[in-house]
Amino acid sequence: MKSWSMADAAADISAVIDAALTDGPQRIERRDAEPVVVLADSAWMRLVADYPTMADLVTRAPIDADDLPDRRPARIGRSDLL
């Protein structure tokens, strides 16, 4: 990712945008603030897409309780409780 100073980015914002579209995200740094990143809209949409969580995948799995193997009860010893 290329880094630009605020002055360079402001002087040639068109180049920053072109670089973001062709080369990927561009970082703009300013001394008194956190850096910002300029990126193409398609890259942003991939980042904020609504992907299912692991919990969503497990709870929506097409499986019945009868499909799961029987489990033995866990053995808890006295030392495990302390």
PDB file of N, CA and C in Angstrom:
ATOM      1  N   MET A   1       0.847  -1.156   0.000  1.00  0.00           N
ATOM      2  CA  MET A   1       0.000   0.000   0.000  1.00  0.00           C
ATOM      3  C   MET A   1       0.903   1.232   0.000  1.00  0.00           C
ATOM      4  N   LYS A   2       0.644   2.123  -0.923  1.00  0.00           N
ATOM      5  CA  LYS A   2       1.445   3.343  -1.003  1.00  0.00           C
ATOM      6  C   LYS A   2       0.958   4.356   0.026  1.00  0.00           C
ATOM      7  N   SER A   3       1.894   5.071   0.615  1.00  0.00           N
ATOM      8  CA  SER A   3       1.564   6.134   1.567  1.00  0.00           C
ATOM      9  C   SER A   3       1.813   7.486   0.926  1.00  0.00           C
ATOM     10  N   TRP A   4       0.898   8.393   1.155  1.00  0.00           N
ATOM     11  CA  TRP A   4       0.993   9.756   0.643  1.00  0.00           C
ATOM     12  C   TRP A   4       0.988  10.709   1.831  1.00  0.00           C
ATOM     13  N   SER A   5       1.736  11.801   1.708  1.00  0.00           N
ATOM     14  CA  SER A   5       1.599  12.857   2.711  1.00  0.00           C
ATOM     15  C   SER A   5       0.312  13.610   2.379  1.00  0.00           C
ATOM     16  N   MET A   6      -0.248  14.288   3.345  1.00  0.00           N
ATOM     17  CA  MET A   6      -1.475  15.043   3.114  1.00  0.00           C
ATOM     18  C   MET A   6      -1.267  16.090   2.031  1.00  0.00           C
ATOM     19  N   ALA A   7      -0.118  16.740   2.050  1.00  0.00           N
ATOM     20  CA  ALA A   7       0.162  17.780   1.058  1.00  0.00           C
ATOM     21  C   ALA A   7       0.221  17.186  -0.349  1.00  0.00           C
ATOM     22  N   ASP A   8       0.912  16.049  -0.509  1.00  0.00           N
ATOM     23  CA  ASP A   8       1.003  15.415  -1.827  1.00  0.00           C
ATOM     24  C   ASP A   8      -0.359  14.923  -2.302  1.00  0.00           C
ATOM     25  N   ALA A   9      -1.136  14.346  -1.396  1.00  0.00           N
ATOM     26  CA  ALA A   9      -2.459  13.842  -1.768  1.00  0.00           C
ATOM     27  C   ALA A   9      -3.383  14.986  -2.166  1.00  0.00           C
ATOM     28  N   ALA A  10      -3.336  16.081  -1.426  1.00  0.00           N
ATOM     29  CA  ALA A  10      -4.185  17.228  -1.741  1.00  0.00           C
ATOM     30  C   ALA A  10      -3.776  17.866  -3.062  1.00  0.00           C
ATOM     31  N   ALA A  11      -2.480  17.889  -3.327  1.00  0.00           N
ATOM     32  CA  ALA A  11      -1.992  18.496  -4.565  1.00  0.00           C
ATOM     33  C   ALA A  11      -2.350  17.664  -5.788  1.00  0.00           C
ATOM     34  N   ASP A  12      -2.490  16.352  -5.614  1.00  0.00           N
ATOM     35  CA  ASP A  12      -2.771  15.487  -6.763  1.00  0.00           C
ATOM     36  C   ASP A  12      -3.789  14.408  -6.388  1.00  0.00           C
ATOM     37  N   ILE A  13      -4.965  14.846  -5.949  1.00  0.00           N
ATOM     38  CA  ILE A  13      -5.995  13.901  -5.510  1.00  0.00           C
ATOM     39  C   ILE A  13      -6.410  12.962  -6.633  1.00  0.00           C
ATOM     40  N   SER A  14      -6.341  13.431  -7.851  1.00  0.00           N
ATOM     41  CA  SER A  14      -6.683  12.586  -8.999  1.00  0.00           C
ATOM     42  C   SER A  14      -5.745  11.383  -9.087  1.00  0.00           C
ATOM     43  N   ALA A  15      -4.467  11.598  -8.815  1.00  0.00           N
ATOM     44  CA  ALA A  15      -3.496  10.499  -8.844  1.00  0.00           C
ATOM     45  C   ALA A  15      -3.770   9.508  -7.709  1.00  0.00           C
ATOM     46  N   VAL A  16      -4.184  10.021  -6.553  1.00  0.00           N
ATOM     47  CA  VAL A  16      -4.513   9.146  -5.421  1.00  0.00           C
ATOM     48  C   VAL A  16      -5.698   8.254  -5.790  1.00  0.00           C
ATOM     49  N   ILE A  17      -6.716   8.843  -6.381  1.00  0.00           N
ATOM     50  CA  ILE A  17      -7.905   8.078  -6.775  1.00  0.00           C
ATOM     51  C   ILE A  17      -7.565   7.068  -7.857  1.00  0.00           C
ATOM     52  N   ASP A  18      -6.804   7.487  -8.862  1.00  0.00           N
ATOM     53  CA  ASP A  18      -6.403   6.556  -9.927  1.00  0.00           C
ATOM     54  C   ASP A  18      -5.609   5.386  -9.353  1.00  0.00           C
ATOM     55  N   ALA A  19      -4.704   5.677  -8.432  1.00  0.00           N
ATOM     56  CA  ALA A  19      -3.898   4.617  -7.814  1.00  0.00           C
ATOM     57  C   ALA A  19      -4.778   3.674  -6.991  1.00  0.00           C
ATOM     58  N   ALA A  20      -5.773   4.216  -6.304  1.00  0.00           N
ATOM     59  CA  ALA A  20      -6.681   3.372  -5.518  1.00  0.00           C
ATOM     60  C   ALA A  20      -7.476   2.440  -6.424  1.00  0.00           C
ATOM     61  N   LEU A  21      -7.846   2.927  -7.589  1.00  0.00           N
ATOM     62  CA  LEU A  21      -8.620   2.106  -8.524  1.00  0.00           C
ATOM     63  C   LEU A  21      -7.774   1.048  -9.219  1.00  0.00           C
ATOM     64  N   THR A  22      -6.511   1.344  -9.471  1.00  0.00           N
ATOM     65  CA  THR A  22      -5.672   0.401 -10.222  1.00  0.00           C
ATOM     66  C   THR A  22      -4.734  -0.429  -9.345  1.00  0.00           C
ATOM     67  N   ASP A  23      -4.176   0.185  -8.302  1.00  0.00           N
ATOM     68  CA  ASP A  23      -3.157  -0.495  -7.494  1.00  0.00           C
ATOM     69  C   ASP A  23      -3.652  -0.960  -6.131  1.00  0.00           C
ATOM     70  N   GLY A  24      -4.839  -0.552  -5.732  1.00  0.00           N
ATOM     71  CA  GLY A  24      -5.355  -0.934  -4.423  1.00  0.00           C
ATOM     72  C   GLY A  24      -5.353   0.229  -3.449  1.00  0.00           C
ATOM     73  N   PRO A  25      -5.604  -0.053  -2.185  1.00  0.00           N
ATOM     74  CA  PRO A  25      -5.740   0.999  -1.172  1.00  0.00           C
ATOM     75  C   PRO A  25      -4.526   1.930  -1.101  1.00  0.00           C
ATOM     76  N   GLN A  26      -4.809   3.206  -0.839  1.00  0.00           N
ATOM     77  CA  GLN A  26      -3.784   4.236  -0.710  1.00  0.00           C
ATOM     78  C   GLN A  26      -3.919   4.876   0.668  1.00  0.00           C
ATOM     79  N   ARG A  27      -2.802   5.010   1.356  1.00  0.00           N
ATOM     80  CA  ARG A  27      -2.796   5.558   2.718  1.00  0.00           C
ATOM     81  C   ARG A  27      -2.389   7.028   2.667  1.00  0.00           C
ATOM     82  N   ILE A  28      -3.167   7.870   3.340  1.00  0.00           N
ATOM     83  CA  ILE A  28      -2.851   9.298   3.419  1.00  0.00           C
ATOM     84  C   ILE A  28      -2.554   9.617   4.877  1.00  0.00           C
ATOM     85  N   GLU A  29      -1.353  10.179   5.116  1.00  0.00           N
ATOM     86  CA  GLU A  29      -0.906  10.459   6.482  1.00  0.00           C
ATOM     87  C   GLU A  29      -0.840  11.957   6.738  1.00  0.00           C
ATOM     88  N   ARG A  30      -1.262  12.328   7.937  1.00  0.00           N
ATOM     89  CA  ARG A  30      -1.174  13.706   8.386  1.00  0.00           C
ATOM     90  C   ARG A  30      -0.540  13.681   9.763  1.00  0.00           C
ATOM     91  N   ARG A  31       0.309  14.636  10.057  1.00  0.00           N
ATOM     92  CA  ARG A  31       1.064  14.614  11.318  1.00  0.00           C
ATOM     93  C   ARG A  31       0.182  14.566  12.555  1.00  0.00           C
ATOM     94  N   ASP A  32      -0.916  15.292  12.546  1.00  0.00           N
ATOM     95  CA  ASP A  32      -1.707  15.440  13.766  1.00  0.00           C
ATOM     96  C   ASP A  32      -2.951  14.551  13.819  1.00  0.00           C
ATOM     97  N   ALA A  33      -3.015  13.548  12.945  1.00  0.00           N
ATOM     98  CA  ALA A  33      -4.212  12.698  12.937  1.00  0.00           C
ATOM     99  C   ALA A  33      -3.860  11.278  12.517  1.00  0.00           C
ATOM    100  N   GLU A  34      -4.778  10.382  12.790  1.00  0.00           N
ATOM    101  CA  GLU A  34      -4.620   8.996  12.368  1.00  0.00           C
ATOM    102  C   GLU A  34      -4.661   8.934  10.839  1.00  0.00           C
ATOM    103  N   PRO A  35      -3.841   8.088  10.215  1.00  0.00           N
ATOM    104  CA  PRO A  35      -3.875   7.968   8.755  1.00  0.00           C
ATOM    105  C   PRO A  35      -5.241   7.479   8.274  1.00  0.00           C
ATOM    106  N   VAL A  36      -5.584   7.838   7.050  1.00  0.00           N
ATOM    107  CA  VAL A  36      -6.812   7.357   6.418  1.00  0.00           C
ATOM    108  C   VAL A  36      -6.434   6.542   5.197  1.00  0.00           C
ATOM    109  N   VAL A  37      -7.360   5.717   4.741  1.00  0.00           N
ATOM    110  CA  VAL A  37      -7.112   4.868   3.581  1.00  0.00           C
ATOM    111  C   VAL A  37      -8.181   5.143   2.539  1.00  0.00           C
ATOM    112  N   VAL A  38      -7.736   5.357   1.308  1.00  0.00           N
ATOM    113  CA  VAL A  38      -8.644   5.547   0.181  1.00  0.00           C
ATOM    114  C   VAL A  38      -8.652   4.247  -0.599  1.00  0.00           C
ATOM    115  N   LEU A  39      -9.858   3.708  -0.846  1.00  0.00           N
ATOM    116  CA  LEU A  39      -9.940   2.475  -1.618  1.00  0.00           C
ATOM    117  C   LEU A  39     -11.159   2.505  -2.516  1.00  0.00           C
ATOM    118  N   ALA A  40     -11.128   1.652  -3.528  1.00  0.00           N
ATOM    119  CA  ALA A  40     -12.222   1.567  -4.487  1.00  0.00           C
ATOM    120  C   ALA A  40     -13.486   1.079  -3.790  1.00  0.00           C
ATOM    121  N   ASP A  41     -14.630   1.485  -4.301  1.00  0.00           N
ATOM    122  CA  ASP A  41     -15.905   1.091  -3.718  1.00  0.00           C
ATOM    123  C   ASP A  41     -16.074  -0.426  -3.701  1.00  0.00           C
ATOM    124  N   SER A  42     -15.620  -1.103  -4.731  1.00  0.00           N
ATOM    125  CA  SER A  42     -15.759  -2.569  -4.777  1.00  0.00           C
ATOM    126  C   SER A  42     -14.966  -3.226  -3.644  1.00  0.00           C
ATOM    127  N   ALA A  43     -13.799  -2.690  -3.328  1.00  0.00           N
ATOM    128  CA  ALA A  43     -13.006  -3.222  -2.214  1.00  0.00           C
ATOM    129  C   ALA A  43     -13.714  -2.955  -0.886  1.00  0.00           C
ATOM    130  N   TRP A  44     -14.294  -1.785  -0.743  1.00  0.00           N
ATOM    131  CA  TRP A  44     -15.027  -1.453   0.479  1.00  0.00           C
ATOM    132  C   TRP A  44     -16.224  -2.384   0.661  1.00  0.00           C
ATOM    133  N   MET A  45     -16.967  -2.635  -0.412  1.00  0.00           N
ATOM    134  CA  MET A  45     -18.144  -3.496  -0.324  1.00  0.00           C
ATOM    135  C   MET A  45     -17.760  -4.919   0.094  1.00  0.00           C
ATOM    136  N   ARG A  46     -16.597  -5.397  -0.352  1.00  0.00           N
ATOM    137  CA  ARG A  46     -16.136  -6.722   0.081  1.00  0.00           C
ATOM    138  C   ARG A  46     -15.832  -6.725   1.578  1.00  0.00           C
ATOM    139  N   LEU A  47     -15.304  -5.627   2.085  1.00  0.00           N
ATOM    140  CA  LEU A  47     -14.952  -5.548   3.505  1.00  0.00           C
ATOM    141  C   LEU A  47     -16.176  -5.496   4.413  1.00  0.00           C
ATOM    142  N   VAL A  48     -17.228  -4.844   3.966  1.00  0.00           N
ATOM    143  CA  VAL A  48     -18.400  -4.672   4.823  1.00  0.00           C
ATOM    144  C   VAL A  48     -19.530  -5.644   4.486  1.00  0.00           C
ATOM    145  N   ALA A  49     -19.260  -6.592   3.614  1.00  0.00           N
ATOM    146  CA  ALA A  49     -20.295  -7.567   3.252  1.00  0.00           C
ATOM    147  C   ALA A  49     -20.760  -8.320   4.491  1.00  0.00           C
ATOM    148  N   ASP A  50     -21.983  -8.742   4.461  1.00  0.00           N
ATOM    149  CA  ASP A  50     -22.578  -9.432   5.603  1.00  0.00           C
ATOM    150  C   ASP A  50     -22.300 -10.926   5.502  1.00  0.00           C
ATOM    151  N   TYR A  51     -21.146 -11.337   6.008  1.00  0.00           N
ATOM    152  CA  TYR A  51     -20.783 -12.747   6.003  1.00  0.00           C
ATOM    153  C   TYR A  51     -21.357 -13.413   7.249  1.00  0.00           C
ATOM    154  N   PRO A  52     -21.819 -14.648   7.127  1.00  0.00           N
ATOM    155  CA  PRO A  52     -22.356 -15.323   8.312  1.00  0.00           C
ATOM    156  C   PRO A  52     -21.247 -15.640   9.319  1.00  0.00           C
ATOM    157  N   THR A  53     -21.606 -15.588  10.587  1.00  0.00           N
ATOM    158  CA  THR A  53     -20.656 -15.961  11.633  1.00  0.00           C
ATOM    159  C   THR A  53     -20.637 -17.481  11.761  1.00  0.00           C
ATOM    160  N   MET A  54     -19.687 -17.996  12.499  1.00  0.00           N
ATOM    161  CA  MET A  54     -19.617 -19.438  12.733  1.00  0.00           C
ATOM    162  C   MET A  54     -20.881 -19.911  13.449  1.00  0.00           C
ATOM    163  N   ALA A  55     -21.363 -19.110  14.388  1.00  0.00           N
ATOM    164  CA  ALA A  55     -22.587 -19.473  15.110  1.00  0.00           C
ATOM    165  C   ALA A  55     -23.772 -19.563  14.152  1.00  0.00           C
ATOM    166  N   ASP A  56     -23.855 -18.628  13.197  1.00  0.00           N
ATOM    167  CA  ASP A  56     -24.927 -18.685  12.200  1.00  0.00           C
ATOM    168  C   ASP A  56     -24.852 -19.966  11.386  1.00  0.00           C
ATOM    169  N   LEU A  57     -23.654 -20.321  10.965  1.00  0.00           N
ATOM    170  CA  LEU A  57     -23.484 -21.526  10.151  1.00  0.00           C
ATOM    171  C   LEU A  57     -23.871 -22.783  10.919  1.00  0.00           C
ATOM    172  N   VAL A  58     -23.483 -22.843  12.185  1.00  0.00           N
ATOM    173  CA  VAL A  58     -23.784 -24.033  12.988  1.00  0.00           C
ATOM    174  C   VAL A  58     -25.281 -24.135  13.269  1.00  0.00           C
ATOM    175  N   THR A  59     -25.900 -23.021  13.642  1.00  0.00           N
ATOM    176  CA  THR A  59     -27.322 -23.079  13.991  1.00  0.00           C
ATOM    177  C   THR A  59     -28.214 -23.279  12.780  1.00  0.00           C
ATOM    178  N   ARG A  60     -27.733 -22.939  11.600  1.00  0.00           N
ATOM    179  CA  ARG A  60     -28.537 -23.117  10.384  1.00  0.00           C
ATOM    180  C   ARG A  60     -28.193 -24.391   9.623  1.00  0.00           C
ATOM    181  N   ALA A  61     -27.297 -25.188  10.165  1.00  0.00           N
ATOM    182  CA  ALA A  61     -26.884 -26.421   9.485  1.00  0.00           C
ATOM    183  C   ALA A  61     -28.081 -27.367   9.364  1.00  0.00           C
ATOM    184  N   PRO A  62     -28.223 -28.009   8.205  1.00  0.00           N
ATOM    185  CA  PRO A  62     -29.352 -28.927   8.005  1.00  0.00           C
ATOM    186  C   PRO A  62     -29.109 -30.264   8.698  1.00  0.00           C
ATOM    187  N   ILE A  63     -29.057 -30.253  10.018  1.00  0.00           N
ATOM    188  CA  ILE A  63     -28.754 -31.449  10.810  1.00  0.00           C
ATOM    189  C   ILE A  63     -29.799 -31.576  11.914  1.00  0.00           C
ATOM    190  N   ASP A  64     -30.241 -32.774  12.165  1.00  0.00           N
ATOM    191  CA  ASP A  64     -31.160 -33.042  13.276  1.00  0.00           C
ATOM    192  C   ASP A  64     -30.358 -33.570  14.458  1.00  0.00           C
ATOM    193  N   ALA A  65     -30.926 -33.457  15.633  1.00  0.00           N
ATOM    194  CA  ALA A  65     -30.253 -33.967  16.830  1.00  0.00           C
ATOM    195  C   ALA A  65     -29.989 -35.465  16.709  1.00  0.00           C
ATOM    196  N   ASP A  66     -30.857 -36.179  15.999  1.00  0.00           N
ATOM    197  CA  ASP A  66     -30.676 -37.625  15.820  1.00  0.00           C
ATOM    198  C   ASP A  66     -29.472 -37.951  14.945  1.00  0.00           C
ATOM    199  N   ASP A  67     -29.023 -36.991  14.140  1.00  0.00           N
ATOM    200  CA  ASP A  67     -27.868 -37.206  13.263  1.00  0.00           C
ATOM    201  C   ASP A  67     -26.548 -37.169  14.028  1.00  0.00           C
ATOM    202  N   LEU A  68     -26.553 -36.596  15.213  1.00  0.00           N
ATOM    203  CA  LEU A  68     -25.321 -36.436  15.984  1.00  0.00           C
ATOM    204  C   LEU A  68     -25.022 -37.703  16.779  1.00  0.00           C
ATOM    205  N   PRO A  69     -23.749 -38.029  16.944  1.00  0.00           N
ATOM    206  CA  PRO A  69     -23.402 -39.214  17.734  1.00  0.00           C
ATOM    207  C   PRO A  69     -23.694 -38.974  19.217  1.00  0.00           C
ATOM    208  N   ASP A  70     -23.978 -40.061  19.932  1.00  0.00           N
ATOM    209  CA  ASP A  70     -24.202 -39.962  21.373  1.00  0.00           C
ATOM    210  C   ASP A  70     -22.892 -39.590  22.058  1.00  0.00           C
ATOM    211  N   ARG A  71     -22.995 -38.761  23.080  1.00  0.00           N
ATOM    212  CA  ARG A  71     -21.807 -38.347  23.828  1.00  0.00           C
ATOM    213  C   ARG A  71     -21.853 -38.942  25.214  1.00  0.00           C
ATOM    214  N   ARG A  72     -20.687 -39.290  25.704  1.00  0.00           N
ATOM    215  CA  ARG A  72     -20.583 -39.744  27.087  1.00  0.00           C
ATOM    216  C   ARG A  72     -20.573 -38.519  27.984  1.00  0.00           C
ATOM    217  N   PRO A  73     -21.152 -38.627  29.172  1.00  0.00           N
ATOM    218  CA  PRO A  73     -21.110 -37.482  30.083  1.00  0.00           C
ATOM    219  C   PRO A  73     -19.667 -37.182  30.493  1.00  0.00           C
ATOM    220  N   ALA A  74     -19.374 -35.926  30.668  1.00  0.00           N
ATOM    221  CA  ALA A  74     -18.031 -35.520  31.083  1.00  0.00           C
ATOM    222  C   ALA A  74     -17.777 -35.972  32.511  1.00  0.00           C
ATOM    223  N   ARG A  75     -16.557 -36.415  32.757  1.00  0.00           N
ATOM    224  CA  ARG A  75     -16.173 -36.818  34.111  1.00  0.00           C
ATOM    225  C   ARG A  75     -15.467 -35.655  34.777  1.00  0.00           C
ATOM    226  N   ILE A  76     -16.046 -35.172  35.838  1.00  0.00           N
ATOM    227  CA  ILE A  76     -15.448 -34.051  36.558  1.00  0.00           C
ATOM    228  C   ILE A  76     -14.965 -34.564  37.908  1.00  0.00           C
ATOM    229  N   GLY A  77     -13.682 -34.448  38.113  1.00  0.00           N
ATOM    230  CA  GLY A  77     -13.109 -34.859  39.397  1.00  0.00           C
ATOM    231  C   GLY A  77     -13.105 -33.705  40.372  1.00  0.00           C
ATOM    232  N   ARG A  78     -12.851 -34.020  41.621  1.00  0.00           N
ATOM    233  CA  ARG A  78     -12.816 -32.980  42.637  1.00  0.00           C
ATOM    234  C   ARG A  78     -11.747 -31.929  42.326  1.00  0.00           C
ATOM    235  N   SER A  79     -10.615 -32.334  41.814  1.00  0.00           N
ATOM    236  CA  SER A  79      -9.535 -31.381  41.528  1.00  0.00           C
ATOM    237  C   SER A  79      -9.917 -30.438  40.390  1.00  0.00           C
ATOM    238  N   ASP A  80     -10.831 -30.852  39.515  1.00  0.00           N
ATOM    239  CA  ASP A  80     -11.265 -29.985  38.420  1.00  0.00           C
ATOM    240  C   ASP A  80     -12.123 -28.824  38.918  1.00  0.00           C
ATOM    241  N   LEU A  81     -12.721 -28.986  40.073  1.00  0.00           N
ATOM    242  CA  LEU A  81     -13.611 -27.958  40.597  1.00  0.00           C
ATOM    243  C   LEU A  81     -12.876 -26.876  41.369  1.00  0.00           C
ATOM    244  N   LEU A  82     -11.633 -27.115  41.741  1.00  0.00           N
ATOM    245  CA  LEU A  82     -10.884 -26.137  42.541  1.00  0.00           C
ATOM    246  C   LEU A  82     -10.041 -25.260  41.704  1.00  0.00           C
TER     247      LEU A  82
END
